[in-house]
């Protein structure tokens, strides 16, 4: 069984959906408003998705930003996906993290997603 396929069956947890993706709160959020955009079709990762699915993900991210902005008023965002074990993928179903960021949530946010390899974050 797939955690995300099971989550889609529980409509009460769905915050947003379009024809190809749905959105739920992250189960272990790293910030207030951390959400997951998940494909309805069970696929492993970004590279297995169709162009239409990637467009649907992008549309959902844009719509989700409006929802998060109204509710949480973040100062910025990190948006990303993990592909493969070496990149930290722990659920084998394509999903995109939408992580609201807030001033002061880390000492120095410079470099943002470059922080996946801490020694390379600062430049």
PDB file of N, CA and C in Angstrom:
ATOM      1  N   UNK A   1       0.835  -1.191   0.000  1.00  0.00           N
ATOM      2  CA  UNK A   1       0.000   0.000   0.000  1.00  0.00           C
ATOM      3  C   UNK A   1       0.877   1.252   0.000  1.00  0.00           C
ATOM      4  N   UNK A   2       0.338   2.307  -0.554  1.00  0.00           N
ATOM      5  CA  UNK A   2       1.049   3.577  -0.632  1.00  0.00           C
ATOM      6  C   UNK A   2       0.392   4.584   0.311  1.00  0.00           C
ATOM      7  N   UNK A   3       1.192   5.214   1.137  1.00  0.00           N
ATOM      8  CA  UNK A   3       0.699   6.208   2.087  1.00  0.00           C
ATOM      9  C   UNK A   3      -0.114   7.294   1.388  1.00  0.00           C
ATOM     10  N   UNK A   4       0.398   7.807   0.265  1.00  0.00           N
ATOM     11  CA  UNK A   4      -0.289   8.908  -0.406  1.00  0.00           C
ATOM     12  C   UNK A   4      -1.524   8.444  -1.166  1.00  0.00           C
ATOM     13  N   UNK A   5      -1.488   7.269  -1.734  1.00  0.00           N
ATOM     14  CA  UNK A   5      -2.698   6.741  -2.388  1.00  0.00           C
ATOM     15  C   UNK A   5      -3.802   6.565  -1.346  1.00  0.00           C
ATOM     16  N   UNK A   6      -3.431   6.096  -0.153  1.00  0.00           N
ATOM     17  CA  UNK A   6      -4.402   5.960   0.937  1.00  0.00           C
ATOM     18  C   UNK A   6      -4.939   7.316   1.377  1.00  0.00           C
ATOM     19  N   UNK A   7      -4.071   8.324   1.419  1.00  0.00           N
ATOM     20  CA  UNK A   7      -4.496   9.663   1.842  1.00  0.00           C
ATOM     21  C   UNK A   7      -5.529  10.235   0.885  1.00  0.00           C
ATOM     22  N   UNK A   8      -5.397   9.938  -0.412  1.00  0.00           N
ATOM     23  CA  UNK A   8      -6.356  10.472  -1.373  1.00  0.00           C
ATOM     24  C   UNK A   8      -7.758   9.916  -1.117  1.00  0.00           C
ATOM     25  N   UNK A   9      -7.828   8.716  -0.573  1.00  0.00           N
ATOM     26  CA  UNK A   9      -9.131   8.109  -0.270  1.00  0.00           C
ATOM     27  C   UNK A   9      -9.832   8.821   0.889  1.00  0.00           C
ATOM     28  N   UNK A  10      -9.049   9.487   1.738  1.00  0.00           N
ATOM     29  CA  UNK A  10      -9.604  10.209   2.887  1.00  0.00           C
ATOM     30  C   UNK A  10      -9.831  11.667   2.486  1.00  0.00           C
ATOM     31  N   UNK A  11     -10.965  11.935   1.886  1.00  0.00           N
ATOM     32  CA  UNK A  11     -11.266  13.259   1.324  1.00  0.00           C
ATOM     33  C   UNK A  11     -11.244  14.370   2.366  1.00  0.00           C
ATOM     34  N   UNK A  12     -11.438  14.039   3.625  1.00  0.00           N
ATOM     35  CA  UNK A  12     -11.463  15.057   4.678  1.00  0.00           C
ATOM     36  C   UNK A  12     -10.126  15.771   4.827  1.00  0.00           C
ATOM     37  N   UNK A  13      -9.034  15.105   4.472  1.00  0.00           N
ATOM     38  CA  UNK A  13      -7.705  15.702   4.618  1.00  0.00           C
ATOM     39  C   UNK A  13      -7.300  16.561   3.425  1.00  0.00           C
ATOM     40  N   UNK A  14      -8.053  16.488   2.337  1.00  0.00           N
ATOM     41  CA  UNK A  14      -7.672  17.200   1.116  1.00  0.00           C
ATOM     42  C   UNK A  14      -8.023  18.678   1.239  1.00  0.00           C
ATOM     43  N   UNK A  15      -7.013  19.508   1.036  1.00  0.00           N
ATOM     44  CA  UNK A  15      -7.166  20.958   1.145  1.00  0.00           C
ATOM     45  C   UNK A  15      -7.518  21.566  -0.209  1.00  0.00           C
ATOM     46  N   UNK A  16      -7.026  20.939  -1.269  1.00  0.00           N
ATOM     47  CA  UNK A  16      -7.202  21.458  -2.629  1.00  0.00           C
ATOM     48  C   UNK A  16      -7.003  20.279  -3.569  1.00  0.00           C
ATOM     49  N   UNK A  17      -7.671  20.327  -4.717  1.00  0.00           N
ATOM     50  CA  UNK A  17      -7.370  19.344  -5.761  1.00  0.00           C
ATOM     51  C   UNK A  17      -7.771  19.889  -7.109  1.00  0.00           C
ATOM     52  N   UNK A  18      -7.114  19.369  -8.133  1.00  0.00           N
ATOM     53  CA  UNK A  18      -7.531  19.589  -9.510  1.00  0.00           C
ATOM     54  C   UNK A  18      -7.627  18.206 -10.149  1.00  0.00           C
ATOM     55  N   UNK A  19      -7.690  18.135 -11.447  1.00  0.00           N
ATOM     56  CA  UNK A  19      -7.904  16.835 -12.096  1.00  0.00           C
ATOM     57  C   UNK A  19      -6.789  15.821 -11.835  1.00  0.00           C
ATOM     58  N   UNK A  20      -5.556  16.301 -11.633  1.00  0.00           N
ATOM     59  CA  UNK A  20      -4.418  15.383 -11.593  1.00  0.00           C
ATOM     60  C   UNK A  20      -3.648  15.342 -10.276  1.00  0.00           C
ATOM     61  N   UNK A  21      -3.882  16.319  -9.398  1.00  0.00           N
ATOM     62  CA  UNK A  21      -3.148  16.360  -8.131  1.00  0.00           C
ATOM     63  C   UNK A  21      -4.078  16.739  -6.980  1.00  0.00           C
ATOM     64  N   UNK A  22      -3.613  16.475  -5.771  1.00  0.00           N
ATOM     65  CA  UNK A  22      -4.329  16.919  -4.575  1.00  0.00           C
ATOM     66  C   UNK A  22      -3.313  17.440  -3.565  1.00  0.00           C
ATOM     67  N   UNK A  23      -3.806  18.182  -2.580  1.00  0.00           N
ATOM     68  CA  UNK A  23      -2.943  18.809  -1.580  1.00  0.00           C
ATOM     69  C   UNK A  23      -3.403  18.412  -0.183  1.00  0.00           C
ATOM     70  N   UNK A  24      -2.429  18.051   0.657  1.00  0.00           N
ATOM     71  CA  UNK A  24      -2.682  17.789   2.072  1.00  0.00           C
ATOM     72  C   UNK A  24      -1.605  18.494   2.894  1.00  0.00           C
ATOM     73  N   UNK A  25      -1.880  18.660   4.182  1.00  0.00           N
ATOM     74  CA  UNK A  25      -0.862  19.181   5.089  1.00  0.00           C
ATOM     75  C   UNK A  25       0.246  18.145   5.206  1.00  0.00           C
ATOM     76  N   UNK A  26       1.478  18.616   5.341  1.00  0.00           N
ATOM     77  CA  UNK A  26       2.587  17.702   5.587  1.00  0.00           C
ATOM     78  C   UNK A  26       2.391  17.062   6.959  1.00  0.00           C
ATOM     79  N   UNK A  27       2.701  15.781   7.058  1.00  0.00           N
ATOM     80  CA  UNK A  27       2.481  15.037   8.294  1.00  0.00           C
ATOM     81  C   UNK A  27       3.511  15.385   9.364  1.00  0.00           C
ATOM     82  N   UNK A  28       4.670  15.883   8.935  1.00  0.00           N
ATOM     83  CA  UNK A  28       5.733  16.314   9.843  1.00  0.00           C
ATOM     84  C   UNK A  28       6.217  17.682   9.369  1.00  0.00           C
ATOM     85  N   UNK A  29       5.395  18.719   9.534  1.00  0.00           N
ATOM     86  CA  UNK A  29       5.712  20.023   8.943  1.00  0.00           C
ATOM     87  C   UNK A  29       6.986  20.638   9.518  1.00  0.00           C
ATOM     88  N   UNK A  30       7.749  21.277   8.636  1.00  0.00           N
ATOM     89  CA  UNK A  30       8.943  21.994   9.082  1.00  0.00           C
ATOM     90  C   UNK A  30       8.631  23.458   9.358  1.00  0.00           C
ATOM     91  N   UNK A  31       7.438  23.912   8.978  1.00  0.00           N
ATOM     92  CA  UNK A  31       6.998  25.276   9.274  1.00  0.00           C
ATOM     93  C   UNK A  31       5.472  25.322   9.254  1.00  0.00           C
ATOM     94  N   UNK A  32       4.911  26.415   9.779  1.00  0.00           N
ATOM     95  CA  UNK A  32       3.455  26.600   9.727  1.00  0.00           C
ATOM     96  C   UNK A  32       3.020  26.668   8.270  1.00  0.00           C
ATOM     97  N   UNK A  33       2.062  25.832   7.890  1.00  0.00           N
ATOM     98  CA  UNK A  33       1.531  25.867   6.536  1.00  0.00           C
ATOM     99  C   UNK A  33       2.228  24.961   5.541  1.00  0.00           C
ATOM    100  N   UNK A  34       3.172  24.142   5.981  1.00  0.00           N
ATOM    101  CA  UNK A  34       3.891  23.216   5.093  1.00  0.00           C
ATOM    102  C   UNK A  34       2.891  22.234   4.483  1.00  0.00           C
ATOM    103  N   UNK A  35       2.814  22.230   3.147  1.00  0.00           N
ATOM    104  CA  UNK A  35       1.848  21.398   2.426  1.00  0.00           C
ATOM    105  C   UNK A  35       2.556  20.509   1.412  1.00  0.00           C
ATOM    106  N   UNK A  36       1.843  19.470   0.981  1.00  0.00           N
ATOM    107  CA  UNK A  36       2.332  18.558  -0.051  1.00  0.00           C
ATOM    108  C   UNK A  36       1.370  18.566  -1.226  1.00  0.00           C
ATOM    109  N   UNK A  37       1.912  18.748  -2.422  1.00  0.00           N
ATOM    110  CA  UNK A  37       1.145  18.607  -3.658  1.00  0.00           C
ATOM    111  C   UNK A  37       1.489  17.225  -4.195  1.00  0.00           C
ATOM    112  N   UNK A  38       0.489  16.367  -4.348  1.00  0.00           N
ATOM    113  CA  UNK A  38       0.700  14.948  -4.646  1.00  0.00           C
ATOM    114  C   UNK A  38      -0.067  14.565  -5.905  1.00  0.00           C
ATOM    115  N   UNK A  39       0.586  13.817  -6.787  1.00  0.00           N
ATOM    116  CA  UNK A  39      -0.123  13.347  -7.979  1.00  0.00           C
ATOM    117  C   UNK A  39      -1.152  12.296  -7.583  1.00  0.00           C
ATOM    118  N   UNK A  40      -2.299  12.333  -8.255  1.00  0.00           N
ATOM    119  CA  UNK A  40      -3.330  11.316  -8.016  1.00  0.00           C
ATOM    120  C   UNK A  40      -2.880   9.969  -8.574  1.00  0.00           C
ATOM    121  N   UNK A  41      -2.209  10.004  -9.691  1.00  0.00           N
ATOM    122  CA  UNK A  41      -1.689   8.770 -10.284  1.00  0.00           C
ATOM    123  C   UNK A  41      -0.452   8.354  -9.494  1.00  0.00           C
ATOM    124  N   UNK A  42      -0.366   7.082  -9.175  1.00  0.00           N
ATOM    125  CA  UNK A  42       0.793   6.596  -8.423  1.00  0.00           C
ATOM    126  C   UNK A  42       1.995   6.495  -9.357  1.00  0.00           C
ATOM    127  N   UNK A  43       2.917   7.431  -9.184  1.00  0.00           N
ATOM    128  CA  UNK A  43       4.181   7.405  -9.918  1.00  0.00           C
ATOM    129  C   UNK A  43       5.300   7.666  -8.927  1.00  0.00           C
ATOM    130  N   UNK A  44       6.487   7.219  -9.256  1.00  0.00           N
ATOM    131  CA  UNK A  44       7.604   7.271  -8.322  1.00  0.00           C
ATOM    132  C   UNK A  44       8.096   8.688  -8.053  1.00  0.00           C
ATOM    133  N   UNK A  45       8.326   9.464  -9.120  1.00  0.00           N
ATOM    134  CA  UNK A  45       8.942  10.772  -8.906  1.00  0.00           C
ATOM    135  C   UNK A  45       8.683  11.719 -10.076  1.00  0.00           C
ATOM    136  N   UNK A  46       9.239  12.904  -9.974  1.00  0.00           N
ATOM    137  CA  UNK A  46       9.078  13.961 -10.973  1.00  0.00           C
ATOM    138  C   UNK A  46       9.349  13.449 -12.385  1.00  0.00           C
ATOM    139  N   UNK A  47      10.382  12.670 -12.550  1.00  0.00           N
ATOM    140  CA  UNK A  47      10.798  12.237 -13.882  1.00  0.00           C
ATOM    141  C   UNK A  47       9.872  11.194 -14.497  1.00  0.00           C
ATOM    142  N   UNK A  48       8.985  10.634 -13.697  1.00  0.00           N
ATOM    143  CA  UNK A  48       7.977   9.703 -14.210  1.00  0.00           C
ATOM    144  C   UNK A  48       6.664  10.409 -14.553  1.00  0.00           C
ATOM    145  N   UNK A  49       6.571  11.691 -14.233  1.00  0.00           N
ATOM    146  CA  UNK A  49       5.322  12.426 -14.463  1.00  0.00           C
ATOM    147  C   UNK A  49       5.197  12.870 -15.916  1.00  0.00           C
ATOM    148  N   UNK A  50       3.956  13.071 -16.325  1.00  0.00           N
ATOM    149  CA  UNK A  50       3.687  13.589 -17.670  1.00  0.00           C
ATOM    150  C   UNK A  50       3.761  15.112 -17.634  1.00  0.00           C
ATOM    151  N   UNK A  51       3.845  15.692 -18.800  1.00  0.00           N
ATOM    152  CA  UNK A  51       3.830  17.158 -18.895  1.00  0.00           C
ATOM    153  C   UNK A  51       2.551  17.709 -18.252  1.00  0.00           C
ATOM    154  N   UNK A  52       1.439  17.047 -18.508  1.00  0.00           N
ATOM    155  CA  UNK A  52       0.160  17.486 -17.945  1.00  0.00           C
ATOM    156  C   UNK A  52       0.183  17.439 -16.417  1.00  0.00           C
ATOM    157  N   UNK A  53       0.785  16.409 -15.860  1.00  0.00           N
ATOM    158  CA  UNK A  53       0.883  16.318 -14.397  1.00  0.00           C
ATOM    159  C   UNK A  53       1.773  17.424 -13.842  1.00  0.00           C
ATOM    160  N   UNK A  54       2.871  17.717 -14.529  1.00  0.00           N
ATOM    161  CA  UNK A  54       3.752  18.789 -14.057  1.00  0.00           C
ATOM    162  C   UNK A  54       3.049  20.138 -14.119  1.00  0.00           C
ATOM    163  N   UNK A  55       2.255  20.365 -15.156  1.00  0.00           N
ATOM    164  CA  UNK A  55       1.476  21.606 -15.249  1.00  0.00           C
ATOM    165  C   UNK A  55       0.456  21.663 -14.115  1.00  0.00           C
ATOM    166  N   UNK A  56      -0.199  20.545 -13.833  1.00  0.00           N
ATOM    167  CA  UNK A  56      -1.184  20.490 -12.744  1.00  0.00           C
ATOM    168  C   UNK A  56      -0.519  20.757 -11.394  1.00  0.00           C
ATOM    169  N   UNK A  57       0.684  20.230 -11.197  1.00  0.00           N
ATOM    170  CA  UNK A  57       1.435  20.503  -9.969  1.00  0.00           C
ATOM    171  C   UNK A  57       1.725  21.996  -9.871  1.00  0.00           C
ATOM    172  N   UNK A  58       2.205  22.574 -10.959  1.00  0.00           N
ATOM    173  CA  UNK A  58       2.530  24.001 -10.965  1.00  0.00           C
ATOM    174  C   UNK A  58       1.295  24.850 -10.670  1.00  0.00           C
ATOM    175  N   UNK A  59       0.180  24.527 -11.311  1.00  0.00           N
ATOM    176  CA  UNK A  59      -1.068  25.258 -11.047  1.00  0.00           C
ATOM    177  C   UNK A  59      -1.459  25.157  -9.573  1.00  0.00           C
ATOM    178  N   UNK A  60      -1.317  23.965  -9.009  1.00  0.00           N
ATOM    179  CA  UNK A  60      -1.668  23.764  -7.600  1.00  0.00           C
ATOM    180  C   UNK A  60      -0.751  24.570  -6.683  1.00  0.00           C
ATOM    181  N   UNK A  61       0.538  24.612  -6.994  1.00  0.00           N
ATOM    182  CA  UNK A  61       1.481  25.380  -6.178  1.00  0.00           C
ATOM    183  C   UNK A  61       1.092  26.858  -6.173  1.00  0.00           C
ATOM    184  N   UNK A  62       0.754  27.391  -7.337  1.00  0.00           N
ATOM    185  CA  UNK A  62       0.362  28.803  -7.436  1.00  0.00           C
ATOM    186  C   UNK A  62      -0.921  29.063  -6.648  1.00  0.00           C
ATOM    187  N   UNK A  63      -1.912  28.191  -6.797  1.00  0.00           N
ATOM    188  CA  UNK A  63      -3.165  28.351  -6.048  1.00  0.00           C
ATOM    189  C   UNK A  63      -2.942  28.175  -4.545  1.00  0.00           C
ATOM    190  N   UNK A  64      -2.104  27.219  -4.192  1.00  0.00           N
ATOM    191  CA  UNK A  64      -1.820  26.946  -2.787  1.00  0.00           C
ATOM    192  C   UNK A  64      -1.131  28.131  -2.116  1.00  0.00           C
ATOM    193  N   UNK A  65      -0.246  28.798  -2.842  1.00  0.00           N
ATOM    194  CA  UNK A  65       0.424  29.981  -2.287  1.00  0.00           C
ATOM    195  C   UNK A  65      -0.606  31.010  -1.827  1.00  0.00           C
ATOM    196  N   UNK A  66      -1.642  31.215  -2.606  1.00  0.00           N
ATOM    197  CA  UNK A  66      -2.684  32.185  -2.229  1.00  0.00           C
ATOM    198  C   UNK A  66      -3.366  31.765  -0.924  1.00  0.00           C
ATOM    199  N   UNK A  67      -3.644  30.478  -0.802  1.00  0.00           N
ATOM    200  CA  UNK A  67      -4.287  29.953   0.408  1.00  0.00           C
ATOM    201  C   UNK A  67      -3.372  30.134   1.618  1.00  0.00           C
ATOM    202  N   UNK A  68      -2.104  29.749   1.460  1.00  0.00           N
ATOM    203  CA  UNK A  68      -1.144  29.852   2.570  1.00  0.00           C
ATOM    204  C   UNK A  68      -0.908  31.315   2.936  1.00  0.00           C
ATOM    205  N   UNK A  69      -0.784  32.182   1.927  1.00  0.00           N
ATOM    206  CA  UNK A  69      -0.574  33.609   2.202  1.00  0.00           C
ATOM    207  C   UNK A  69      -1.694  34.176   3.072  1.00  0.00           C
ATOM    208  N   UNK A  70      -2.935  33.845   2.738  1.00  0.00           N
ATOM    209  CA  UNK A  70      -4.079  34.356   3.503  1.00  0.00           C
ATOM    210  C   UNK A  70      -4.076  33.846   4.944  1.00  0.00           C
ATOM    211  N   UNK A  71      -3.755  32.572   5.098  1.00  0.00           N
ATOM    212  CA  UNK A  71      -3.870  31.960   6.424  1.00  0.00           C
ATOM    213  C   UNK A  71      -2.645  32.186   7.316  1.00  0.00           C
ATOM    214  N   UNK A  72      -1.437  32.160   6.727  1.00  0.00           N
ATOM    215  CA  UNK A  72      -0.221  32.170   7.537  1.00  0.00           C
ATOM    216  C   UNK A  72       0.684  33.386   7.329  1.00  0.00           C
ATOM    217  N   UNK A  73       0.520  34.123   6.254  1.00  0.00           N
ATOM    218  CA  UNK A  73       1.318  35.313   5.944  1.00  0.00           C
ATOM    219  C   UNK A  73       2.831  35.074   6.033  1.00  0.00           C
ATOM    220  N   UNK A  74       3.356  34.106   5.301  1.00  0.00           N
ATOM    221  CA  UNK A  74       4.798  33.854   5.348  1.00  0.00           C
ATOM    222  C   UNK A  74       5.582  34.968   4.642  1.00  0.00           C
ATOM    223  N   UNK A  75       6.879  34.961   4.880  1.00  0.00           N
ATOM    224  CA  UNK A  75       7.770  35.941   4.261  1.00  0.00           C
ATOM    225  C   UNK A  75       8.451  35.404   3.009  1.00  0.00           C
ATOM    226  N   UNK A  76       8.356  34.110   2.765  1.00  0.00           N
ATOM    227  CA  UNK A  76       8.976  33.487   1.598  1.00  0.00           C
ATOM    228  C   UNK A  76       8.556  32.033   1.498  1.00  0.00           C
ATOM    229  N   UNK A  77       9.130  31.338   0.526  1.00  0.00           N
ATOM    230  CA  UNK A  77       8.787  29.931   0.284  1.00  0.00           C
ATOM    231  C   UNK A  77      10.003  29.150  -0.189  1.00  0.00           C
ATOM    232  N   UNK A  78      10.043  27.874   0.164  1.00  0.00           N
ATOM    233  CA  UNK A  78      10.875  26.881  -0.511  1.00  0.00           C
ATOM    234  C   UNK A  78       9.914  25.891  -1.137  1.00  0.00           C
ATOM    235  N   UNK A  79      10.180  25.531  -2.385  1.00  0.00           N
ATOM    236  CA  UNK A  79       9.338  24.585  -3.117  1.00  0.00           C
ATOM    237  C   UNK A  79      10.265  23.535  -3.705  1.00  0.00           C
ATOM    238  N   UNK A  80       9.970  22.251  -3.460  1.00  0.00           N
ATOM    239  CA  UNK A  80      10.870  21.252  -4.006  1.00  0.00           C
ATOM    240  C   UNK A  80      10.384  19.832  -3.851  1.00  0.00           C
ATOM    241  N   UNK A  81      11.110  18.948  -4.537  1.00  0.00           N
ATOM    242  CA  UNK A  81      10.811  17.524  -4.500  1.00  0.00           C
ATOM    243  C   UNK A  81      12.111  16.748  -4.340  1.00  0.00           C
ATOM    244  N   UNK A  82      12.031  15.608  -3.698  1.00  0.00           N
ATOM    245  CA  UNK A  82      13.181  14.724  -3.532  1.00  0.00           C
ATOM    246  C   UNK A  82      13.027  13.562  -4.505  1.00  0.00           C
ATOM    247  N   UNK A  83      14.086  13.263  -5.233  1.00  0.00           N
ATOM    248  CA  UNK A  83      14.051  12.176  -6.213  1.00  0.00           C
ATOM    249  C   UNK A  83      15.160  11.188  -5.876  1.00  0.00           C
ATOM    250  N   UNK A  84      14.773  10.030  -5.384  1.00  0.00           N
ATOM    251  CA  UNK A  84      15.735   8.987  -5.062  1.00  0.00           C
ATOM    252  C   UNK A  84      16.208   9.033  -3.621  1.00  0.00           C
ATOM    253  N   UNK A  85      16.676   7.898  -3.162  1.00  0.00           N
ATOM    254  CA  UNK A  85      17.138   7.746  -1.785  1.00  0.00           C
ATOM    255  C   UNK A  85      18.243   8.744  -1.443  1.00  0.00           C
ATOM    256  N   UNK A  86      19.211   8.922  -2.353  1.00  0.00           N
ATOM    257  CA  UNK A  86      20.341   9.816  -2.090  1.00  0.00           C
ATOM    258  C   UNK A  86      19.899  11.261  -1.907  1.00  0.00           C
ATOM    259  N   UNK A  87      18.756  11.614  -2.470  1.00  0.00           N
ATOM    260  CA  UNK A  87      18.225  12.978  -2.349  1.00  0.00           C
ATOM    261  C   UNK A  87      17.232  13.105  -1.202  1.00  0.00           C
ATOM    262  N   UNK A  88      17.005  12.023  -0.475  1.00  0.00           N
ATOM    263  CA  UNK A  88      16.133  12.081   0.690  1.00  0.00           C
ATOM    264  C   UNK A  88      14.702  11.650   0.461  1.00  0.00           C
ATOM    265  N   UNK A  89      14.399  11.067  -0.710  1.00  0.00           N
ATOM    266  CA  UNK A  89      13.021  10.629  -0.952  1.00  0.00           C
ATOM    267  C   UNK A  89      12.688   9.481  -0.008  1.00  0.00           C
ATOM    268  N   UNK A  90      11.624   9.670   0.779  1.00  0.00           N
ATOM    269  CA  UNK A  90      11.234   8.632   1.737  1.00  0.00           C
ATOM    270  C   UNK A  90       9.874   8.021   1.422  1.00  0.00           C
ATOM    271  N   UNK A  91       9.053   8.714   0.642  1.00  0.00           N
ATOM    272  CA  UNK A  91       7.776   8.165   0.187  1.00  0.00           C
ATOM    273  C   UNK A  91       7.879   8.009  -1.325  1.00  0.00           C
ATOM    274  N   UNK A  92       7.681   6.802  -1.807  1.00  0.00           N
ATOM    275  CA  UNK A  92       7.895   6.506  -3.226  1.00  0.00           C
ATOM    276  C   UNK A  92       6.643   6.805  -4.051  1.00  0.00           C
ATOM    277  N   UNK A  93       6.233   8.064  -4.002  1.00  0.00           N
ATOM    278  CA  UNK A  93       5.093   8.580  -4.765  1.00  0.00           C
ATOM    279  C   UNK A  93       5.397  10.062  -4.976  1.00  0.00           C
ATOM    280  N   UNK A  94       5.364  10.511  -6.230  1.00  0.00           N
ATOM    281  CA  UNK A  94       5.747  11.884  -6.559  1.00  0.00           C
ATOM    282  C   UNK A  94       4.935  12.907  -5.781  1.00  0.00           C
ATOM    283  N   UNK A  95       5.646  13.801  -5.125  1.00  0.00           N
ATOM    284  CA  UNK A  95       5.014  14.906  -4.396  1.00  0.00           C
ATOM    285  C   UNK A  95       5.980  16.081  -4.320  1.00  0.00           C
ATOM    286  N   UNK A  96       5.406  17.257  -4.161  1.00  0.00           N
ATOM    287  CA  UNK A  96       6.183  18.489  -4.071  1.00  0.00           C
ATOM    288  C   UNK A  96       5.881  19.148  -2.727  1.00  0.00           C
ATOM    289  N   UNK A  97       6.932  19.520  -2.025  1.00  0.00           N
ATOM    290  CA  UNK A  97       6.792  20.244  -0.766  1.00  0.00           C
ATOM    291  C   UNK A  97       6.642  21.732  -1.052  1.00  0.00           C
ATOM    292  N   UNK A  98       5.655  22.354  -0.429  1.00  0.00           N
ATOM    293  CA  UNK A  98       5.503  23.806  -0.449  1.00  0.00           C
ATOM    294  C   UNK A  98       5.698  24.242   1.000  1.00  0.00           C
ATOM    295  N   UNK A  99       6.856  24.856   1.256  1.00  0.00           N
ATOM    296  CA  UNK A  99       7.254  25.165   2.625  1.00  0.00           C
ATOM    297  C   UNK A  99       7.299  26.677   2.821  1.00  0.00           C
ATOM    298  N   UNK A 100       6.330  27.212   3.557  1.00  0.00           N
ATOM    299  CA  UNK A 100       6.376  28.637   3.866  1.00  0.00           C
ATOM    300  C   UNK A 100       7.577  28.935   4.770  1.00  0.00           C
ATOM    301  N   UNK A 101       8.189  30.085   4.542  1.00  0.00           N
ATOM    302  CA  UNK A 101       9.338  30.496   5.353  1.00  0.00           C
ATOM    303  C   UNK A 101       9.032  31.809   6.051  1.00  0.00           C
ATOM    304  N   UNK A 102       9.608  31.981   7.215  1.00  0.00           N
ATOM    305  CA  UNK A 102       9.342  33.137   8.054  1.00  0.00           C
ATOM    306  C   UNK A 102      10.655  33.765   8.500  1.00  0.00           C
ATOM    307  N   UNK A 103      10.694  35.093   8.515  1.00  0.00           N
ATOM    308  CA  UNK A 103      11.896  35.779   9.001  1.00  0.00           C
ATOM    309  C   UNK A 103      12.253  35.240  10.380  1.00  0.00           C
ATOM    310  N   UNK A 104      13.524  34.875  10.536  1.00  0.00           N
ATOM    311  CA  UNK A 104      13.995  34.389  11.825  1.00  0.00           C
ATOM    312  C   UNK A 104      13.826  32.901  12.051  1.00  0.00           C
ATOM    313  N   UNK A 105      13.255  32.159  11.067  1.00  0.00           N
ATOM    314  CA  UNK A 105      13.084  30.712  11.295  1.00  0.00           C
ATOM    315  C   UNK A 105      14.417  29.966  11.268  1.00  0.00           C
ATOM    316  N   UNK A 106      15.434  30.556  10.652  1.00  0.00           N
ATOM    317  CA  UNK A 106      16.814  30.068  10.725  1.00  0.00           C
ATOM    318  C   UNK A 106      17.708  31.293  10.863  1.00  0.00           C
ATOM    319  N   UNK A 107      18.914  31.102  11.374  1.00  0.00           N
ATOM    320  CA  UNK A 107      19.814  32.240  11.574  1.00  0.00           C
ATOM    321  C   UNK A 107      20.155  32.947  10.269  1.00  0.00           C
ATOM    322  N   UNK A 108      20.491  32.181   9.238  1.00  0.00           N
ATOM    323  CA  UNK A 108      20.885  32.775   7.965  1.00  0.00           C
ATOM    324  C   UNK A 108      20.291  31.955   6.824  1.00  0.00           C
ATOM    325  N   UNK A 109      19.211  32.430   6.210  1.00  0.00           N
ATOM    326  CA  UNK A 109      18.562  31.656   5.152  1.00  0.00           C
ATOM    327  C   UNK A 109      19.253  31.734   3.793  1.00  0.00           C
ATOM    328  N   UNK A 110      20.321  32.521   3.676  1.00  0.00           N
ATOM    329  CA  UNK A 110      20.973  32.694   2.384  1.00  0.00           C
ATOM    330  C   UNK A 110      21.362  31.343   1.794  1.00  0.00           C
ATOM    331  N   UNK A 111      21.054  31.163   0.537  1.00  0.00           N
ATOM    332  CA  UNK A 111      21.360  29.911  -0.137  1.00  0.00           C
ATOM    333  C   UNK A 111      20.175  28.963  -0.196  1.00  0.00           C
ATOM    334  N   UNK A 112      19.177  29.171   0.670  1.00  0.00           N
ATOM    335  CA  UNK A 112      17.935  28.399   0.616  1.00  0.00           C
ATOM    336  C   UNK A 112      18.120  26.923   0.367  1.00  0.00           C
ATOM    337  N   UNK A 113      17.660  26.452  -0.781  1.00  0.00           N
ATOM    338  CA  UNK A 113      17.683  25.018  -1.075  1.00  0.00           C
ATOM    339  C   UNK A 113      19.094  24.470  -1.201  1.00  0.00           C
ATOM    340  N   UNK A 114      20.071  25.345  -1.358  1.00  0.00           N
ATOM    341  CA  UNK A 114      21.464  24.879  -1.370  1.00  0.00           C
ATOM    342  C   UNK A 114      21.824  24.227  -0.036  1.00  0.00           C
ATOM    343  N   UNK A 115      21.025  24.484   1.000  1.00  0.00           N
ATOM    344  CA  UNK A 115      21.274  23.930   2.320  1.00  0.00           C
ATOM    345  C   UNK A 115      21.106  22.427   2.409  1.00  0.00           C
ATOM    346  N   UNK A 116      20.657  21.787   1.332  1.00  0.00           N
ATOM    347  CA  UNK A 116      20.557  20.323   1.369  1.00  0.00           C
ATOM    348  C   UNK A 116      21.936  19.705   1.558  1.00  0.00           C
ATOM    349  N   UNK A 117      22.975  20.444   1.171  1.00  0.00           N
ATOM    350  CA  UNK A 117      24.355  20.060   1.475  1.00  0.00           C
ATOM    351  C   UNK A 117      24.927  21.229   2.278  1.00  0.00           C
ATOM    352  N   UNK A 118      24.830  21.155   3.613  1.00  0.00           N
ATOM    353  CA  UNK A 118      25.139  22.311   4.457  1.00  0.00           C
ATOM    354  C   UNK A 118      26.473  22.996   4.155  1.00  0.00           C
ATOM    355  N   UNK A 119      27.513  22.244   3.863  1.00  0.00           N
ATOM    356  CA  UNK A 119      28.818  22.852   3.599  1.00  0.00           C
ATOM    357  C   UNK A 119      28.829  23.687   2.320  1.00  0.00           C
ATOM    358  N   UNK A 120      27.847  23.504   1.458  1.00  0.00           N
ATOM    359  CA  UNK A 120      27.783  24.230   0.184  1.00  0.00           C
ATOM    360  C   UNK A 120      26.761  25.364   0.202  1.00  0.00           C
ATOM    361  N   UNK A 121      26.064  25.542   1.327  1.00  0.00           N
ATOM    362  CA  UNK A 121      24.983  26.528   1.369  1.00  0.00           C
ATOM    363  C   UNK A 121      25.494  27.952   1.220  1.00  0.00           C
ATOM    364  N   UNK A 122      26.563  28.272   1.914  1.00  0.00           N
ATOM    365  CA  UNK A 122      27.072  29.644   1.877  1.00  0.00           C
ATOM    366  C   UNK A 122      28.001  29.841   0.692  1.00  0.00           C
ATOM    367  N   UNK A 123      27.862  30.980   0.062  1.00  0.00           N
ATOM    368  CA  UNK A 123      28.718  31.311  -1.086  1.00  0.00           C
ATOM    369  C   UNK A 123      29.015  32.786  -1.089  1.00  0.00           C
TER     370      UNK A 123
END
